Protein backbone atom coordinates (compact mmCIF):
# COMPACT_ATOMS: atom_id res chain seq x y z
CA MET A 1 252.01 324.29 45.39
CA GLN A 2 251.33 327.79 47.00
CA ARG A 3 248.39 328.61 44.76
CA MET A 4 246.79 325.19 45.79
CA THR A 5 247.44 325.87 49.26
CA LEU A 6 245.50 329.03 49.05
CA THR A 7 242.53 327.37 47.28
CA LEU A 8 242.32 324.70 49.89
CA ALA A 9 242.36 327.44 52.63
CA LEU A 10 239.66 329.36 50.77
CA VAL A 11 237.57 326.22 50.43
CA LEU A 12 238.03 325.51 54.26
CA VAL A 13 236.94 329.07 55.09
CA LEU A 14 233.69 328.81 53.03
CA GLN A 15 232.93 325.38 54.50
CA LEU A 16 233.23 326.86 57.96
CA GLY A 17 231.11 329.69 57.12
CA LEU A 18 228.49 327.53 55.87
CA VAL A 19 228.58 325.56 58.94
CA GLY A 20 228.23 328.74 61.05
CA ILE A 21 225.21 329.96 59.09
CA LEU A 22 223.56 326.36 59.32
CA TRP A 23 224.25 326.27 63.14
CA LEU A 24 222.93 329.47 63.71
CA GLY A 25 219.64 329.00 61.62
CA ALA A 26 219.01 325.66 63.29
CA GLY A 27 219.34 327.46 66.97
CA GLN A 28 216.92 330.22 65.86
CA ALA A 29 214.44 327.61 64.63
CA GLY A 30 214.80 325.53 67.70
CA ASP A 31 214.01 328.68 69.77
CA ARG A 32 211.13 329.45 67.65
CA ALA A 33 207.70 328.61 69.24
CA PRO A 34 205.59 326.03 67.29
CA GLU A 35 203.13 327.28 64.80
CA PRO A 36 199.63 326.94 66.18
CA LEU A 37 197.52 323.92 64.76
CA ILE A 38 194.48 325.95 64.96
CA SER A 39 194.32 329.70 65.57
CA LEU A 40 191.59 330.71 67.64
CA ASN A 41 190.72 333.47 70.28
CA GLN A 42 189.73 331.93 73.45
CA ASP A 43 187.22 334.38 74.48
CA ALA A 44 185.66 334.41 71.01
CA ILE A 45 184.72 330.67 71.04
CA SER A 46 180.92 330.59 70.99
CA SER A 47 180.53 326.75 71.24
CA VAL A 48 182.30 323.35 71.14
CA ARG A 49 180.72 320.24 69.97
CA ILE A 50 182.42 316.99 71.22
CA ALA A 51 181.73 313.68 69.67
CA PRO A 52 183.28 310.11 70.43
CA GLY A 53 183.41 309.16 66.84
CA PRO A 54 182.63 310.73 63.50
CA ASP A 55 178.79 309.34 63.40
CA GLU A 56 177.71 310.04 66.93
CA ALA A 57 176.03 313.01 68.57
CA GLY A 58 178.21 313.55 71.54
CA VAL A 59 177.50 316.89 73.46
CA GLU A 60 177.58 320.61 72.71
CA LEU A 61 178.64 323.25 75.03
CA LYS A 62 177.57 326.82 74.05
CA ARG A 63 178.58 330.15 75.60
CA ALA A 64 175.47 332.30 76.13
CA ASN A 65 175.57 335.70 78.09
CA GLY A 66 179.22 335.04 79.40
CA SER A 67 178.48 331.41 80.65
CA TRP A 68 178.56 327.91 79.28
CA GLN A 69 175.48 326.00 78.87
CA LEU A 70 174.16 322.72 77.46
CA PRO A 71 171.58 323.52 74.54
CA ALA A 72 170.44 319.80 74.43
CA SER A 73 169.59 319.81 78.08
CA ASP A 74 167.08 322.87 77.83
CA GLY A 75 170.01 324.93 78.39
CA PHE A 76 171.04 323.48 81.86
CA PRO A 77 174.45 325.18 82.95
CA ALA A 78 177.75 323.49 82.38
CA LYS A 79 180.66 323.48 85.03
CA GLN A 80 182.08 326.85 84.17
CA SER A 81 185.63 326.19 85.18
CA LYS A 82 185.70 322.88 83.33
CA ALA A 83 184.06 324.45 80.05
CA GLU A 84 186.45 327.39 80.07
CA SER A 85 189.44 324.94 80.68
CA LEU A 86 188.70 323.20 77.62
CA ALA A 87 188.15 326.53 75.57
CA GLN A 88 191.76 327.64 76.82
CA ASN A 89 193.31 324.18 76.06
CA LEU A 90 191.89 324.23 72.43
CA ALA A 91 192.87 327.75 71.68
CA GLY A 92 196.36 327.22 73.14
CA ILE A 93 197.02 324.04 70.93
CA ARG A 94 200.46 324.15 69.35
CA ALA A 95 201.87 321.91 66.68
CA GLY A 96 205.39 320.68 66.35
CA LEU A 97 206.60 319.62 63.25
CA PRO A 98 204.28 317.31 61.22
CA VAL A 99 204.76 313.52 62.08
CA ALA A 100 203.23 312.08 58.67
CA SER A 101 200.68 312.72 56.11
CA SER A 102 200.28 309.39 54.04
CA GLN A 103 196.94 307.53 53.76
CA GLY A 104 198.65 304.57 55.70
CA ALA A 105 199.65 307.09 58.56
CA LEU A 106 196.09 308.12 59.29
CA ALA A 107 195.22 304.51 59.75
CA ARG A 108 198.34 304.13 61.92
CA PHE A 109 197.36 306.97 64.15
CA ASP A 110 193.86 306.30 64.27
CA LEU A 111 192.93 309.41 62.23
CA GLU A 112 190.76 307.68 59.54
CA PRO A 113 187.56 309.36 59.46
CA LYS A 114 185.95 306.41 60.96
CA GLN A 115 188.56 305.56 63.56
CA VAL A 116 188.98 308.94 65.24
CA GLU A 117 188.98 309.04 69.14
CA ARG A 118 187.21 312.59 69.00
CA ARG A 119 185.80 314.87 66.76
CA ILE A 120 185.74 318.45 67.98
CA VAL A 121 184.17 321.15 66.20
CA ILE A 122 184.98 324.71 67.52
CA ASN A 123 182.84 327.66 66.47
CA GLU A 124 183.89 331.26 66.70
CA GLY A 125 180.47 333.24 66.16
CA GLU A 126 177.72 331.48 64.26
CA SER A 127 180.00 329.24 61.87
CA ASP A 128 182.01 326.15 62.18
CA SER A 129 185.68 327.67 62.50
CA VAL A 130 187.70 324.42 63.05
CA THR A 131 187.16 320.75 63.12
CA LEU A 132 189.74 318.76 65.00
CA LEU A 133 190.31 315.09 64.74
CA ILE A 134 191.95 313.36 67.69
CA GLY A 135 193.77 309.90 67.17
CA LYS A 136 195.63 307.60 69.39
CA SER A 137 197.67 308.73 72.34
CA ALA A 138 201.03 309.81 71.87
CA GLY A 139 202.24 309.79 75.63
CA THR A 140 201.19 311.33 78.88
CA ASN A 141 198.68 313.95 78.00
CA SER A 142 199.48 314.11 74.19
CA VAL A 143 197.85 312.88 71.28
CA TYR A 144 197.96 312.52 67.46
CA ALA A 145 195.71 314.93 65.83
CA ARG A 146 195.00 316.66 62.53
CA ARG A 147 192.54 319.19 60.88
CA ALA A 148 189.68 317.53 59.15
CA ALA A 149 190.48 319.40 55.95
CA SER A 150 194.25 318.28 56.06
CA ASN A 151 195.95 314.84 56.09
CA VAL A 152 199.07 316.07 57.90
CA VAL A 153 199.31 314.46 61.64
CA HIS A 154 200.87 316.63 64.44
CA GLU A 155 201.58 315.31 67.83
CA ILE A 156 199.92 318.10 70.23
CA ASP A 157 199.76 318.73 73.96
CA PHE A 158 196.12 317.51 74.75
CA ALA A 159 194.46 314.46 76.06
CA SER A 160 190.99 312.89 75.25
CA TRP A 161 189.86 313.06 78.82
CA GLN A 162 189.91 316.69 78.41
CA ALA A 163 186.89 316.65 75.89
CA GLU A 164 184.30 314.32 77.43
CA PRO A 165 181.67 313.48 74.90
CA ASN A 166 178.90 312.81 77.41
CA ALA A 167 176.66 315.53 78.61
CA SER A 168 176.63 314.23 82.30
CA ALA A 169 180.28 314.95 82.47
CA TRP A 170 179.60 318.69 81.96
CA PHE A 171 176.67 319.02 84.24
CA GLU A 172 176.80 321.77 86.91
CA THR A 173 176.08 319.29 90.05
CA ALA A 174 175.56 322.02 92.60
CA LYS A 175 172.22 322.63 91.02
CA LEU A 176 171.10 319.42 92.60
CA GLN A 177 173.57 318.40 95.37
CA VAL A 178 174.26 319.83 98.84
CA PRO A 179 177.78 319.69 100.12
CA ILE A 180 177.59 317.12 102.83
CA THR A 181 179.74 319.14 105.16
CA ASP A 182 177.15 321.77 105.10
CA VAL A 183 174.23 319.10 106.14
CA LYS A 184 172.86 319.39 109.80
CA ALA A 185 170.09 316.77 109.30
CA VAL A 186 167.89 314.57 107.03
CA LYS A 187 164.22 314.11 107.46
CA LEU A 188 162.70 310.93 106.24
CA ALA A 189 159.28 309.58 106.98
CA GLY A 190 159.05 308.66 110.55
CA PHE A 191 162.74 309.48 111.59
CA THR A 192 165.42 311.89 111.22
CA LEU A 193 169.13 311.49 110.70
CA ARG A 194 171.15 314.33 112.49
CA LYS A 195 174.58 315.34 112.78
CA GLY A 196 176.02 316.23 116.11
CA ASP A 197 178.39 319.04 117.07
CA ASP A 198 181.17 316.29 117.06
CA GLY A 199 180.54 315.45 113.25
CA GLY A 200 179.03 312.08 114.30
CA TRP A 201 175.55 310.97 112.96
CA SER A 202 172.62 309.74 115.22
CA LEU A 203 169.06 308.46 114.29
CA LYS A 204 165.92 310.35 115.91
CA GLY A 205 162.26 309.59 116.11
CA ALA A 206 162.82 305.82 115.81
CA ASP A 207 164.17 303.01 118.14
CA PRO A 208 165.75 300.30 115.90
CA ASN A 209 166.55 296.86 117.71
CA GLY A 210 170.39 297.52 118.08
CA GLU A 211 173.05 300.11 118.32
CA VAL A 212 173.12 302.41 115.28
CA SER A 213 176.46 302.67 113.16
CA THR A 214 177.29 306.52 112.70
CA THR A 215 179.38 305.42 109.56
CA LYS A 216 176.32 303.58 107.81
CA ILE A 217 174.33 306.87 108.47
CA ARG A 218 177.11 309.17 107.14
CA GLU A 219 177.30 306.90 103.90
CA PHE A 220 173.63 307.02 103.46
CA VAL A 221 173.31 310.65 103.87
CA ALA A 222 176.09 311.24 101.25
CA LYS A 223 173.91 309.26 98.66
CA LEU A 224 170.88 311.47 99.54
CA VAL A 225 172.51 314.85 99.23
CA GLN A 226 174.84 314.02 96.39
CA PRO A 227 172.63 312.03 94.09
CA THR A 228 174.06 311.50 90.62
CA PHE A 229 171.81 312.18 87.31
CA ASP A 230 172.08 311.07 83.82
CA ALA A 231 169.82 313.70 82.15
CA VAL A 232 168.10 316.86 83.03
CA SER A 233 165.20 318.85 81.50
CA LYS A 234 163.19 322.08 82.31
CA GLY A 235 159.45 322.15 83.08
CA GLY A 236 156.67 322.59 85.43
CA ALA A 237 155.83 320.12 88.23
CA PRO A 238 156.06 316.42 87.32
CA GLU A 239 152.73 314.66 87.05
CA GLY A 240 151.22 312.69 89.85
CA GLU A 241 152.50 312.41 93.36
CA PRO A 242 155.98 311.66 94.42
CA SER A 243 156.74 308.18 95.64
CA ALA A 244 159.39 309.05 97.89
CA GLY A 245 161.27 312.04 99.40
CA TYR A 246 163.10 313.78 102.18
CA THR A 247 164.23 317.11 103.55
CA VAL A 248 168.06 318.11 103.66
CA VAL A 249 168.44 320.59 106.47
CA THR A 250 171.61 322.95 106.50
CA GLN A 251 172.69 325.95 108.80
CA ASP A 252 170.80 328.42 106.43
CA ASN A 253 168.29 326.51 104.17
CA ASP A 254 165.99 323.41 104.26
CA PHE A 255 166.05 321.72 100.77
CA ARG A 256 163.11 319.22 99.74
CA PHE A 257 163.85 316.49 97.44
CA ASP A 258 160.85 314.63 95.68
CA TYR A 259 161.40 311.44 93.74
CA TYR A 260 158.83 310.53 90.96
CA SER A 261 158.71 306.83 89.66
CA GLY A 262 158.33 305.77 86.02
CA ASP A 263 160.39 304.34 83.20
CA LYS A 264 162.97 307.03 84.15
CA PRO A 265 162.68 308.32 87.84
CA THR A 266 163.44 311.76 88.45
CA VAL A 267 163.98 313.96 91.40
CA VAL A 268 163.07 317.60 91.81
CA ARG A 269 164.81 319.79 94.46
CA SER A 270 162.67 322.63 95.93
CA GLY A 271 163.64 326.13 94.55
CA GLN A 272 164.55 324.59 91.27
CA ASP A 273 162.41 324.06 88.05
CA TRP A 274 164.74 321.15 86.56
CA HIS A 275 163.93 317.43 86.52
CA PHE A 276 166.86 315.39 87.33
CA GLN A 277 166.78 312.06 85.74
CA VAL A 278 168.34 309.28 88.31
CA ALA A 279 168.99 305.62 88.18
CA GLN A 280 166.24 303.39 89.51
CA GLU A 281 168.64 302.25 92.50
CA GLN A 282 168.67 305.75 93.77
CA LEU A 283 164.87 305.94 93.85
CA GLU A 284 164.76 302.47 95.63
CA THR A 285 167.45 303.52 98.12
CA VAL A 286 165.08 306.33 99.28
CA ARG A 287 161.93 304.59 99.12
CA ALA A 288 163.11 301.47 101.06
CA ALA A 289 164.78 303.31 103.90
CA THR A 290 164.12 302.03 107.45
CA PRO A 291 165.77 302.76 110.75
CA GLU A 292 166.87 299.05 111.15
CA GLN A 293 169.44 299.64 108.13
CA PHE A 294 171.54 301.59 110.29
CA VAL A 295 171.97 299.03 113.05
CA ALA A 296 175.60 297.98 113.44
CA GLY A 297 176.17 294.74 111.64
CA SER A 298 172.85 294.58 110.21
CA GLY A 299 172.41 293.48 106.50
CA VAL A 300 169.04 295.23 106.14
CA LYS A 301 168.19 295.86 102.32
CA GLY A 302 168.23 299.54 101.49
CA SER A 303 171.34 300.05 103.62
CA ALA A 304 173.95 302.55 102.02
CA SER A 305 176.37 299.45 101.72
CA ALA A 306 173.67 297.25 99.95
CA PRO A 307 171.04 299.39 98.30
CA GLY A 308 167.62 297.73 98.50
CA SER A 309 165.69 296.57 95.55
CA GLY A 310 162.45 296.88 97.24
CA GLY A 311 160.54 297.88 100.46
CA SER A 312 157.41 299.47 101.51
CA PRO A 313 156.89 302.72 99.48
CA SER A 314 155.65 304.34 102.65
CA ALA A 315 158.92 303.89 104.32
CA GLY A 316 160.45 306.74 102.21
CA GLY A 317 157.59 308.98 101.59
CA ASN A 318 157.21 312.60 102.35
CA ALA A 319 158.93 313.82 105.21
CA GLY A 320 157.64 313.38 108.63
CA SER A 321 157.50 316.09 111.40
CA SER A 322 160.74 314.81 113.43
CA GLU A 323 162.81 317.71 114.34
CA PRO A 324 166.76 317.72 113.72
């Protein structure tokens, strides 16, 4: 009986020791940082290609001379902080324990080659370093992902919106746009829109039939000084004469915006050698501008609230001599 008691006691001690070892090991594993899904040096990343799916072109961001550019848009600059943030997020991706690795799991998590939400090719130097496939969302700012060369699925801290596949999402808009807070006046053909010391807007050089709305003027000016563009290219002066235009006056500079019509209307800002492709609606908004559209309660086509679809081309031609 005494021998049996000693044996049982020894077994109990061994079991307790084993439990302690397992508990200690689990605690250490839990404290250990997850292994990287990809191992990249943020400063060494030379380019990132993002496609919305496996067979679509998407956009390429390339680092050149310390700044990010868009090669397919003649090297137009990208938003530096946004591109650098993407590089940081990609280099910092960490993977927890694998979620799955079966062929069925790839389909379930939208990680089959034909299903992926994003295909991101990250280069260090001249060669493709990593191809990362992004699948369906796993929650707020997290997705399921895998390396293209592996079927192992991981949940990672990332979001598809951080990797926009359209070039327009990365354009450095400051190359065209002027902050409205800097604008003192906008000169159009035959009249000027001027901001007063109190921040209110007035119309000079014309006498429309009715009281003008400072809100309508401000909304219209915002469209003129912050036009959106879909594509950009580099080159000399466009062919032909501009069909519409205006001058934006700031405290320190005057900026001329000239619009050229065609299948794809473009605008050129003075001091720039870029051609910015804009929507036809933007061109018509400028070309159809008249003083009457700023009258309170008016519904004149071409107003900021209802951009016109027509109008006399001469109404928005080269800026007149009206002073701000």
